[in-house]
Amino acid sequence: MPRSMGKGSVQVTFSKRRAGLMKKAHEISVLCNASVALVIFSSKGALYEYSTDSNMQRILERYEQCIYAEKALPPKEPLSQEELYGEYRELKRKVDAMQRSQSHAMGENLDTLSVIELQQLEIRLETALKRIKSQMNQILLDSIAEFQRKARFSLICLLNQIPEKHY
């Protein structure tokens, strides 16, 4: 932090960064359908929080369950060469399947699919497109609302600068 930053500018920076972080938390929750909990304590001890769930406690409980579940797992024995190779083959099979699926979603190599598989792909793509359009519409509506809020604020500021006899 530059020496010239006073307490006021640090607070402004904190407020802007906090707002940006909360916006990003909201975006990832909406765009990726993820559960997000964000907790921020200011240097003065003020608490700021964001959660996708109406009750942050629910997300924190899930977090605790995951942490305790990981700690409760017994340490794994080293795998034999044969087990490692079997795991490698399984992971390679999954990667190949995911790459084929991605290729199909991009409209490539469709000649390997049956009519039923093509219909299923079409349904998945239509569902994804609906989600994308819905998200895009929500972001546009949020942007419009924010623009309207800023426009009202600017208009109020402008009107406050004009003497009363002019309006």
N, C-alpha and C. Protein backbone atom coordinates (compact mmCIF):
# COMPACT_ATOMS: atom_id res chain seq x y z
N MET A 1 0.85 -1.17 0.00
CA MET A 1 0.00 0.00 0.00
C MET A 1 0.89 1.23 0.00
N PRO A 2 0.65 2.19 -0.91
CA PRO A 2 1.47 3.41 -0.95
C PRO A 2 1.34 4.18 0.35
N ARG A 3 2.42 4.87 0.70
CA ARG A 3 2.44 5.63 1.94
C ARG A 3 1.41 6.75 1.95
N SER A 4 1.09 7.27 0.78
CA SER A 4 0.20 8.42 0.70
C SER A 4 -1.26 8.07 0.96
N MET A 5 -1.59 6.78 1.02
CA MET A 5 -2.99 6.39 1.23
C MET A 5 -3.37 6.65 2.68
N GLY A 6 -4.32 7.56 2.86
CA GLY A 6 -4.80 7.85 4.19
C GLY A 6 -5.88 6.87 4.59
N LYS A 7 -6.37 7.05 5.81
CA LYS A 7 -7.41 6.14 6.30
C LYS A 7 -8.67 6.21 5.44
N GLY A 8 -9.00 7.40 4.96
CA GLY A 8 -10.19 7.55 4.12
C GLY A 8 -10.07 6.80 2.82
N SER A 9 -8.91 6.90 2.17
CA SER A 9 -8.74 6.21 0.89
C SER A 9 -8.67 4.70 1.08
N VAL A 10 -8.13 4.27 2.22
CA VAL A 10 -8.12 2.83 2.50
C VAL A 10 -9.55 2.33 2.66
N GLN A 11 -10.39 3.13 3.34
CA GLN A 11 -11.78 2.73 3.53
C GLN A 11 -12.53 2.69 2.20
N VAL A 12 -12.26 3.67 1.34
CA VAL A 12 -12.89 3.69 0.01
C VAL A 12 -12.46 2.47 -0.78
N THR A 13 -11.15 2.18 -0.75
CA THR A 13 -10.65 0.99 -1.45
C THR A 13 -11.29 -0.26 -0.90
N PHE A 14 -11.37 -0.37 0.42
CA PHE A 14 -11.99 -1.53 1.05
C PHE A 14 -13.44 -1.68 0.60
N SER A 15 -14.18 -0.59 0.60
CA SER A 15 -15.59 -0.64 0.21
C SER A 15 -15.75 -1.07 -1.25
N LYS A 16 -14.93 -0.51 -2.12
CA LYS A 16 -15.02 -0.87 -3.54
C LYS A 16 -14.63 -2.33 -3.76
N ARG A 17 -13.55 -2.77 -3.13
CA ARG A 17 -13.11 -4.15 -3.30
C ARG A 17 -14.13 -5.12 -2.71
N ARG A 18 -14.70 -4.77 -1.57
CA ARG A 18 -15.71 -5.62 -0.93
C ARG A 18 -16.92 -5.76 -1.86
N ALA A 19 -17.37 -4.64 -2.43
CA ALA A 19 -18.52 -4.68 -3.34
C ALA A 19 -18.20 -5.53 -4.57
N GLY A 20 -16.99 -5.39 -5.10
CA GLY A 20 -16.59 -6.18 -6.26
C GLY A 20 -16.53 -7.67 -5.94
N LEU A 21 -16.02 -7.99 -4.76
CA LEU A 21 -15.93 -9.39 -4.34
C LEU A 21 -17.33 -9.99 -4.16
N MET A 22 -18.23 -9.22 -3.59
CA MET A 22 -19.59 -9.71 -3.39
C MET A 22 -20.29 -9.88 -4.74
N LYS A 23 -20.03 -8.98 -5.67
CA LYS A 23 -20.62 -9.10 -7.01
C LYS A 23 -20.11 -10.37 -7.69
N LYS A 24 -18.81 -10.63 -7.58
CA LYS A 24 -18.24 -11.84 -8.18
C LYS A 24 -18.82 -13.10 -7.51
N ALA A 25 -19.01 -13.06 -6.20
CA ALA A 25 -19.60 -14.21 -5.49
C ALA A 25 -21.01 -14.47 -6.03
N HIS A 26 -21.77 -13.39 -6.23
CA HIS A 26 -23.13 -13.54 -6.78
C HIS A 26 -23.07 -14.11 -8.20
N GLU A 27 -22.16 -13.60 -9.02
CA GLU A 27 -22.06 -14.05 -10.40
C GLU A 27 -21.71 -15.53 -10.49
N ILE A 28 -20.74 -15.97 -9.69
CA ILE A 28 -20.37 -17.39 -9.76
C ILE A 28 -21.50 -18.27 -9.26
N SER A 29 -22.26 -17.77 -8.28
CA SER A 29 -23.38 -18.58 -7.79
C SER A 29 -24.45 -18.73 -8.85
N VAL A 30 -24.71 -17.66 -9.59
CA VAL A 30 -25.75 -17.69 -10.61
C VAL A 30 -25.27 -18.40 -11.88
N LEU A 31 -24.11 -18.03 -12.37
CA LEU A 31 -23.62 -18.59 -13.62
C LEU A 31 -23.27 -20.07 -13.51
N CYS A 32 -22.80 -20.49 -12.35
CA CYS A 32 -22.35 -21.88 -12.19
C CYS A 32 -23.25 -22.68 -11.27
N ASN A 33 -24.36 -22.08 -10.85
CA ASN A 33 -25.29 -22.75 -9.95
C ASN A 33 -24.56 -23.33 -8.74
N ALA A 34 -23.69 -22.51 -8.14
CA ALA A 34 -22.87 -22.94 -7.01
C ALA A 34 -23.40 -22.31 -5.72
N SER A 35 -23.24 -23.03 -4.63
CA SER A 35 -23.54 -22.46 -3.32
C SER A 35 -22.32 -21.69 -2.86
N VAL A 36 -22.51 -20.43 -2.50
CA VAL A 36 -21.40 -19.57 -2.14
C VAL A 36 -21.67 -18.91 -0.80
N ALA A 37 -20.66 -18.90 0.05
CA ALA A 37 -20.71 -18.16 1.31
C ALA A 37 -19.46 -17.31 1.37
N LEU A 38 -19.64 -16.03 1.64
CA LEU A 38 -18.52 -15.10 1.71
C LEU A 38 -18.62 -14.34 3.02
N VAL A 39 -17.54 -14.33 3.78
CA VAL A 39 -17.50 -13.61 5.05
C VAL A 39 -16.31 -12.67 5.00
N ILE A 40 -16.54 -11.39 5.31
CA ILE A 40 -15.48 -10.39 5.31
C ILE A 40 -15.55 -9.63 6.62
N PHE A 41 -14.39 -9.50 7.27
CA PHE A 41 -14.27 -8.65 8.45
C PHE A 41 -13.39 -7.47 8.08
N SER A 42 -13.86 -6.28 8.33
CA SER A 42 -13.04 -5.10 8.07
C SER A 42 -11.97 -5.00 9.15
N SER A 43 -11.02 -4.09 8.94
CA SER A 43 -9.96 -3.90 9.93
C SER A 43 -10.53 -3.38 11.25
N LYS A 44 -11.72 -2.80 11.20
CA LYS A 44 -12.37 -2.32 12.43
C LYS A 44 -13.27 -3.37 13.05
N GLY A 45 -13.34 -4.54 12.42
CA GLY A 45 -14.13 -5.64 12.98
C GLY A 45 -15.56 -5.72 12.47
N ALA A 46 -15.93 -4.88 11.50
CA ALA A 46 -17.29 -4.94 10.96
C ALA A 46 -17.43 -6.20 10.10
N LEU A 47 -18.59 -6.84 10.23
CA LEU A 47 -18.86 -8.08 9.51
C LEU A 47 -19.69 -7.79 8.27
N TYR A 48 -19.25 -8.36 7.14
CA TYR A 48 -20.00 -8.30 5.89
C TYR A 48 -20.10 -9.73 5.39
N GLU A 49 -21.28 -10.12 4.94
CA GLU A 49 -21.44 -11.49 4.48
C GLU A 49 -22.37 -11.56 3.28
N TYR A 50 -22.18 -12.62 2.51
CA TYR A 50 -23.02 -12.91 1.36
C TYR A 50 -23.18 -14.42 1.31
N SER A 51 -24.39 -14.86 1.03
CA SER A 51 -24.59 -16.30 0.80
C SER A 51 -25.70 -16.48 -0.21
N THR A 52 -25.55 -17.53 -1.03
CA THR A 52 -26.56 -17.80 -2.05
C THR A 52 -27.80 -18.39 -1.41
N ASP A 53 -27.59 -19.09 -0.35
CA ASP A 53 -28.70 -19.66 0.40
C ASP A 53 -29.27 -18.56 1.28
N SER A 54 -30.56 -18.57 1.54
CA SER A 54 -31.12 -17.53 2.40
C SER A 54 -30.56 -17.66 3.82
N ASN A 55 -30.03 -18.82 4.14
CA ASN A 55 -29.48 -19.05 5.45
C ASN A 55 -28.03 -19.50 5.30
N MET A 56 -27.09 -18.62 5.64
CA MET A 56 -25.68 -18.94 5.50
C MET A 56 -25.32 -20.16 6.34
N GLN A 57 -26.02 -20.34 7.42
CA GLN A 57 -25.73 -21.46 8.32
C GLN A 57 -25.76 -22.79 7.57
N ARG A 58 -26.68 -22.92 6.63
CA ARG A 58 -26.81 -24.16 5.86
C ARG A 58 -25.53 -24.43 5.05
N ILE A 59 -24.98 -23.40 4.44
CA ILE A 59 -23.75 -23.57 3.66
C ILE A 59 -22.59 -23.89 4.58
N LEU A 60 -22.52 -23.21 5.72
CA LEU A 60 -21.43 -23.47 6.66
C LEU A 60 -21.51 -24.89 7.22
N GLU A 61 -22.71 -25.38 7.43
CA GLU A 61 -22.87 -26.76 7.89
C GLU A 61 -22.38 -27.74 6.83
N ARG A 62 -22.69 -27.47 5.57
CA ARG A 62 -22.18 -28.32 4.48
C ARG A 62 -20.66 -28.31 4.46
N TYR A 63 -20.09 -27.13 4.67
CA TYR A 63 -18.64 -26.99 4.69
C TYR A 63 -18.05 -27.84 5.82
N GLU A 64 -18.63 -27.73 6.99
CA GLU A 64 -18.14 -28.51 8.14
C GLU A 64 -18.24 -30.01 7.87
N GLN A 65 -19.35 -30.44 7.26
CA GLN A 65 -19.52 -31.86 6.95
C GLN A 65 -18.42 -32.34 6.01
N CYS A 66 -18.09 -31.53 5.01
CA CYS A 66 -17.04 -31.91 4.06
C CYS A 66 -15.69 -31.98 4.76
N ILE A 67 -15.39 -31.01 5.59
CA ILE A 67 -14.10 -30.98 6.28
C ILE A 67 -13.97 -32.17 7.21
N TYR A 68 -15.04 -32.45 7.98
CA TYR A 68 -14.98 -33.58 8.91
C TYR A 68 -14.94 -34.90 8.17
N ALA A 69 -15.62 -34.98 7.04
CA ALA A 69 -15.61 -36.22 6.25
C ALA A 69 -14.20 -36.50 5.73
N GLU A 70 -13.50 -35.46 5.27
CA GLU A 70 -12.13 -35.63 4.78
C GLU A 70 -11.20 -36.08 5.89
N LYS A 71 -11.36 -35.50 7.09
CA LYS A 71 -10.50 -35.85 8.21
C LYS A 71 -10.78 -37.27 8.71
N ALA A 72 -12.02 -37.73 8.52
CA ALA A 72 -12.40 -39.05 9.02
C ALA A 72 -11.92 -40.18 8.12
N LEU A 73 -11.53 -39.86 6.90
CA LEU A 73 -11.07 -40.90 5.98
C LEU A 73 -9.75 -41.48 6.46
N PRO A 74 -9.65 -42.79 6.46
CA PRO A 74 -8.37 -43.39 6.86
C PRO A 74 -7.30 -43.11 5.80
N PRO A 75 -6.06 -43.02 6.21
CA PRO A 75 -5.01 -42.77 5.21
C PRO A 75 -4.97 -43.92 4.21
N LYS A 76 -4.78 -43.60 2.96
CA LYS A 76 -4.78 -44.61 1.91
C LYS A 76 -3.44 -45.34 1.86
N GLU A 77 -3.55 -46.62 1.60
CA GLU A 77 -2.35 -47.43 1.37
C GLU A 77 -1.85 -47.12 -0.04
N PRO A 78 -0.57 -47.13 -0.23
CA PRO A 78 -0.07 -46.90 -1.60
C PRO A 78 -0.62 -47.96 -2.55
N LEU A 79 -0.97 -47.53 -3.74
CA LEU A 79 -1.53 -48.44 -4.74
C LEU A 79 -0.42 -49.20 -5.44
N SER A 80 -0.75 -50.43 -5.81
CA SER A 80 0.22 -51.23 -6.56
C SER A 80 0.27 -50.70 -8.00
N GLN A 81 1.27 -51.15 -8.73
CA GLN A 81 1.43 -50.75 -10.13
C GLN A 81 0.19 -51.15 -10.94
N GLU A 82 -0.33 -52.31 -10.64
CA GLU A 82 -1.51 -52.80 -11.35
C GLU A 82 -2.73 -51.94 -11.04
N GLU A 83 -2.90 -51.57 -9.77
CA GLU A 83 -4.03 -50.72 -9.38
C GLU A 83 -3.91 -49.33 -10.00
N LEU A 84 -2.69 -48.81 -10.02
CA LEU A 84 -2.46 -47.51 -10.64
C LEU A 84 -2.80 -47.54 -12.12
N TYR A 85 -2.41 -48.60 -12.80
CA TYR A 85 -2.70 -48.71 -14.23
C TYR A 85 -4.21 -48.83 -14.45
N GLY A 86 -4.90 -49.58 -13.59
CA GLY A 86 -6.35 -49.71 -13.70
C GLY A 86 -7.03 -48.36 -13.49
N GLU A 87 -6.54 -47.60 -12.51
CA GLU A 87 -7.09 -46.27 -12.26
C GLU A 87 -6.82 -45.35 -13.44
N TYR A 88 -5.61 -45.45 -14.00
CA TYR A 88 -5.25 -44.65 -15.17
C TYR A 88 -6.20 -44.95 -16.34
N ARG A 89 -6.45 -46.25 -16.60
CA ARG A 89 -7.34 -46.63 -17.70
C ARG A 89 -8.75 -46.08 -17.48
N GLU A 90 -9.23 -46.14 -16.24
CA GLU A 90 -10.57 -45.64 -15.93
C GLU A 90 -10.64 -44.11 -16.14
N LEU A 91 -9.62 -43.42 -15.66
CA LEU A 91 -9.59 -41.96 -15.85
C LEU A 91 -9.46 -41.60 -17.33
N LYS A 92 -8.66 -42.34 -18.06
CA LYS A 92 -8.51 -42.09 -19.50
C LYS A 92 -9.83 -42.32 -20.22
N ARG A 93 -10.56 -43.37 -19.82
CA ARG A 93 -11.87 -43.65 -20.42
C ARG A 93 -12.82 -42.48 -20.16
N LYS A 94 -12.81 -41.96 -18.93
CA LYS A 94 -13.68 -40.83 -18.59
C LYS A 94 -13.30 -39.57 -19.37
N VAL A 95 -12.01 -39.30 -19.47
CA VAL A 95 -11.55 -38.12 -20.23
C VAL A 95 -11.96 -38.25 -21.70
N ASP A 96 -11.76 -39.43 -22.27
CA ASP A 96 -12.15 -39.65 -23.67
C ASP A 96 -13.65 -39.42 -23.86
N ALA A 97 -14.44 -39.93 -22.92
CA ALA A 97 -15.90 -39.76 -23.01
C ALA A 97 -16.27 -38.29 -22.91
N MET A 98 -15.61 -37.57 -22.01
CA MET A 98 -15.89 -36.14 -21.87
C MET A 98 -15.48 -35.37 -23.12
N GLN A 99 -14.35 -35.75 -23.72
CA GLN A 99 -13.91 -35.08 -24.94
C GLN A 99 -14.87 -35.35 -26.09
N ARG A 100 -15.37 -36.60 -26.18
CA ARG A 100 -16.37 -36.91 -27.22
C ARG A 100 -17.64 -36.08 -26.99
N SER A 101 -18.06 -36.02 -25.73
CA SER A 101 -19.27 -35.26 -25.39
C SER A 101 -19.11 -33.79 -25.74
N GLN A 102 -17.94 -33.24 -25.42
CA GLN A 102 -17.67 -31.84 -25.75
C GLN A 102 -17.64 -31.64 -27.26
N SER A 103 -17.03 -32.56 -27.95
CA SER A 103 -16.96 -32.50 -29.40
C SER A 103 -18.37 -32.51 -29.99
N HIS A 104 -19.21 -33.40 -29.48
CA HIS A 104 -20.59 -33.47 -29.96
C HIS A 104 -21.34 -32.17 -29.67
N ALA A 105 -21.12 -31.62 -28.48
CA ALA A 105 -21.79 -30.37 -28.11
C ALA A 105 -21.37 -29.22 -29.02
N MET A 106 -20.17 -29.32 -29.58
CA MET A 106 -19.68 -28.29 -30.50
C MET A 106 -20.11 -28.58 -31.94
N GLY A 107 -20.89 -29.67 -32.13
CA GLY A 107 -21.39 -30.00 -33.46
C GLY A 107 -20.41 -30.79 -34.29
N GLU A 108 -19.39 -31.37 -33.66
CA GLU A 108 -18.38 -32.13 -34.38
C GLU A 108 -18.62 -33.63 -34.21
N ASN A 109 -18.19 -34.43 -35.16
CA ASN A 109 -18.24 -35.90 -35.10
C ASN A 109 -19.65 -36.43 -34.79
N LEU A 110 -20.65 -35.77 -35.33
CA LEU A 110 -22.02 -36.18 -35.07
C LEU A 110 -22.41 -37.45 -35.84
N ASP A 111 -21.65 -37.77 -36.85
CA ASP A 111 -21.98 -38.95 -37.66
C ASP A 111 -21.81 -40.26 -36.88
N THR A 112 -21.16 -40.21 -35.72
CA THR A 112 -20.99 -41.42 -34.90
C THR A 112 -22.18 -41.65 -33.99
N LEU A 113 -23.12 -40.69 -33.94
CA LEU A 113 -24.25 -40.79 -33.02
C LEU A 113 -25.48 -41.39 -33.71
N SER A 114 -26.26 -42.10 -32.91
CA SER A 114 -27.54 -42.63 -33.41
C SER A 114 -28.58 -41.51 -33.37
N VAL A 115 -29.73 -41.77 -33.93
CA VAL A 115 -30.81 -40.78 -33.94
C VAL A 115 -31.22 -40.45 -32.50
N ILE A 116 -31.33 -41.47 -31.67
CA ILE A 116 -31.72 -41.26 -30.27
C ILE A 116 -30.67 -40.41 -29.55
N GLU A 117 -29.39 -40.69 -29.77
CA GLU A 117 -28.31 -39.91 -29.14
C GLU A 117 -28.34 -38.47 -29.63
N LEU A 118 -28.63 -38.28 -30.91
CA LEU A 118 -28.74 -36.91 -31.45
C LEU A 118 -29.91 -36.17 -30.80
N GLN A 119 -31.03 -36.86 -30.60
CA GLN A 119 -32.19 -36.23 -29.95
C GLN A 119 -31.85 -35.86 -28.51
N GLN A 120 -31.14 -36.74 -27.81
CA GLN A 120 -30.74 -36.44 -26.43
C GLN A 120 -29.79 -35.25 -26.38
N LEU A 121 -28.86 -35.20 -27.33
CA LEU A 121 -27.93 -34.07 -27.42
C LEU A 121 -28.70 -32.78 -27.67
N GLU A 122 -29.66 -32.84 -28.56
CA GLU A 122 -30.48 -31.66 -28.87
C GLU A 122 -31.20 -31.16 -27.62
N ILE A 123 -31.77 -32.07 -26.85
CA ILE A 123 -32.48 -31.69 -25.62
C ILE A 123 -31.50 -31.04 -24.62
N ARG A 124 -30.31 -31.63 -24.47
CA ARG A 124 -29.32 -31.06 -23.54
C ARG A 124 -28.90 -29.67 -23.99
N LEU A 125 -28.69 -29.50 -25.29
CA LEU A 125 -28.29 -28.18 -25.80
C LEU A 125 -29.40 -27.15 -25.65
N GLU A 126 -30.65 -27.56 -25.90
CA GLU A 126 -31.78 -26.64 -25.72
C GLU A 126 -31.92 -26.23 -24.26
N THR A 127 -31.74 -27.18 -23.35
CA THR A 127 -31.81 -26.87 -21.92
C THR A 127 -30.71 -25.90 -21.53
N ALA A 128 -29.49 -26.16 -22.02
CA ALA A 128 -28.36 -25.27 -21.72
C ALA A 128 -28.62 -23.88 -22.29
N LEU A 129 -29.15 -23.82 -23.50
CA LEU A 129 -29.43 -22.53 -24.13
C LEU A 129 -30.48 -21.75 -23.34
N LYS A 130 -31.51 -22.46 -22.85
CA LYS A 130 -32.53 -21.79 -22.03
C LYS A 130 -31.91 -21.22 -20.76
N ARG A 131 -31.01 -21.99 -20.12
CA ARG A 131 -30.35 -21.49 -18.91
C ARG A 131 -29.49 -20.27 -19.22
N ILE A 132 -28.78 -20.33 -20.32
CA ILE A 132 -27.91 -19.21 -20.71
C ILE A 132 -28.76 -17.97 -20.99
N LYS A 133 -29.84 -18.14 -21.74
CA LYS A 133 -30.71 -17.00 -22.06
C LYS A 133 -31.34 -16.42 -20.79
N SER A 134 -31.75 -17.29 -19.89
CA SER A 134 -32.33 -16.84 -18.64
C SER A 134 -31.31 -16.03 -17.83
N GLN A 135 -30.10 -16.54 -17.76
CA GLN A 135 -29.04 -15.84 -17.03
C GLN A 135 -28.71 -14.52 -17.70
N MET A 136 -28.64 -14.52 -19.02
CA MET A 136 -28.35 -13.30 -19.75
C MET A 136 -29.44 -12.26 -19.51
N ASN A 137 -30.71 -12.70 -19.56
CA ASN A 137 -31.82 -11.78 -19.29
C ASN A 137 -31.74 -11.21 -17.89
N GLN A 138 -31.39 -12.05 -16.90
CA GLN A 138 -31.28 -11.57 -15.52
C GLN A 138 -30.17 -10.54 -15.40
N ILE A 139 -29.04 -10.80 -16.04
CA ILE A 139 -27.93 -9.84 -15.98
C ILE A 139 -28.33 -8.54 -16.66
N LEU A 140 -29.03 -8.63 -17.79
CA LEU A 140 -29.49 -7.41 -18.48
C LEU A 140 -30.48 -6.64 -17.61
N LEU A 141 -31.42 -7.35 -16.98
CA LEU A 141 -32.38 -6.68 -16.10
C LEU A 141 -31.68 -6.02 -14.92
N ASP A 142 -30.70 -6.71 -14.35
CA ASP A 142 -29.94 -6.12 -13.25
C ASP A 142 -29.18 -4.88 -13.71
N SER A 143 -28.60 -4.96 -14.91
CA SER A 143 -27.87 -3.82 -15.45
C SER A 143 -28.80 -2.64 -15.71
N ILE A 144 -29.97 -2.92 -16.25
CA ILE A 144 -30.95 -1.85 -16.50
C ILE A 144 -31.38 -1.21 -15.19
N ALA A 145 -31.66 -2.04 -14.19
CA ALA A 145 -32.07 -1.51 -12.88
C ALA A 145 -30.96 -0.65 -12.28
N GLU A 146 -29.72 -1.10 -12.41
CA GLU A 146 -28.58 -0.33 -11.89
C GLU A 146 -28.44 0.99 -12.65
N PHE A 147 -28.59 0.94 -13.97
CA PHE A 147 -28.51 2.15 -14.78
C PHE A 147 -29.63 3.12 -14.38
N GLN A 148 -30.85 2.61 -14.19
CA GLN A 148 -31.96 3.47 -13.79
C GLN A 148 -31.71 4.10 -12.42
N ARG A 149 -31.15 3.30 -11.50
CA ARG A 149 -30.84 3.83 -10.17
C ARG A 149 -29.81 4.95 -10.28
N LYS A 150 -28.77 4.74 -11.09
CA LYS A 150 -27.74 5.76 -11.26
C LYS A 150 -28.31 6.99 -11.96
N ALA A 151 -29.19 6.78 -12.95
CA ALA A 151 -29.80 7.90 -13.66
C ALA A 151 -30.66 8.73 -12.71
N ARG A 152 -31.46 8.06 -11.86
CA ARG A 152 -32.28 8.79 -10.88
C ARG A 152 -31.39 9.59 -9.93
N PHE A 153 -30.32 8.98 -9.47
CA PHE A 153 -29.40 9.65 -8.57
C PHE A 153 -28.77 10.86 -9.25
N SER A 154 -28.34 10.69 -10.51
CA SER A 154 -27.74 11.80 -11.25
C SER A 154 -28.75 12.92 -11.46
N LEU A 155 -29.99 12.56 -11.76
CA LEU A 155 -31.04 13.56 -11.96
C LEU A 155 -31.30 14.32 -10.66
N ILE A 156 -31.35 13.62 -9.55
CA ILE A 156 -31.55 14.27 -8.26
C ILE A 156 -30.40 15.22 -7.97
N CYS A 157 -29.17 14.78 -8.24
CA CYS A 157 -28.01 15.64 -8.02
C CYS A 157 -28.07 16.87 -8.91
N LEU A 158 -28.48 16.68 -10.16
CA LEU A 158 -28.58 17.78 -11.10
C LEU A 158 -29.66 18.76 -10.66
N LEU A 159 -30.81 18.24 -10.25
CA LEU A 159 -31.90 19.11 -9.81
C LEU A 159 -31.54 19.88 -8.55
N ASN A 160 -30.74 19.29 -7.70
CA ASN A 160 -30.31 19.98 -6.49
C ASN A 160 -29.36 21.12 -6.78
N GLN A 161 -28.74 21.11 -7.96
CA GLN A 161 -27.83 22.18 -8.33
C GLN A 161 -28.56 23.35 -9.00
N ILE A 162 -29.81 23.14 -9.48
CA ILE A 162 -30.58 24.19 -10.14
C ILE A 162 -31.38 24.94 -9.09
N PRO A 163 -31.33 26.27 -9.08
CA PRO A 163 -32.12 27.02 -8.10
C PRO A 163 -33.61 26.69 -8.24
N GLU A 164 -34.35 26.78 -7.14
CA GLU A 164 -35.76 26.36 -7.10
C GLU A 164 -36.64 27.07 -8.12
N LYS A 165 -36.39 28.34 -8.43
CA LYS A 165 -37.26 29.08 -9.32
C LYS A 165 -37.22 28.56 -10.77
N HIS A 166 -36.23 27.69 -11.10
CA HIS A 166 -36.10 27.19 -12.46
C HIS A 166 -36.88 25.90 -12.71
N TYR A 167 -37.46 25.31 -11.68
CA TYR A 167 -38.24 24.09 -11.93
C TYR A 167 -39.47 24.08 -11.13
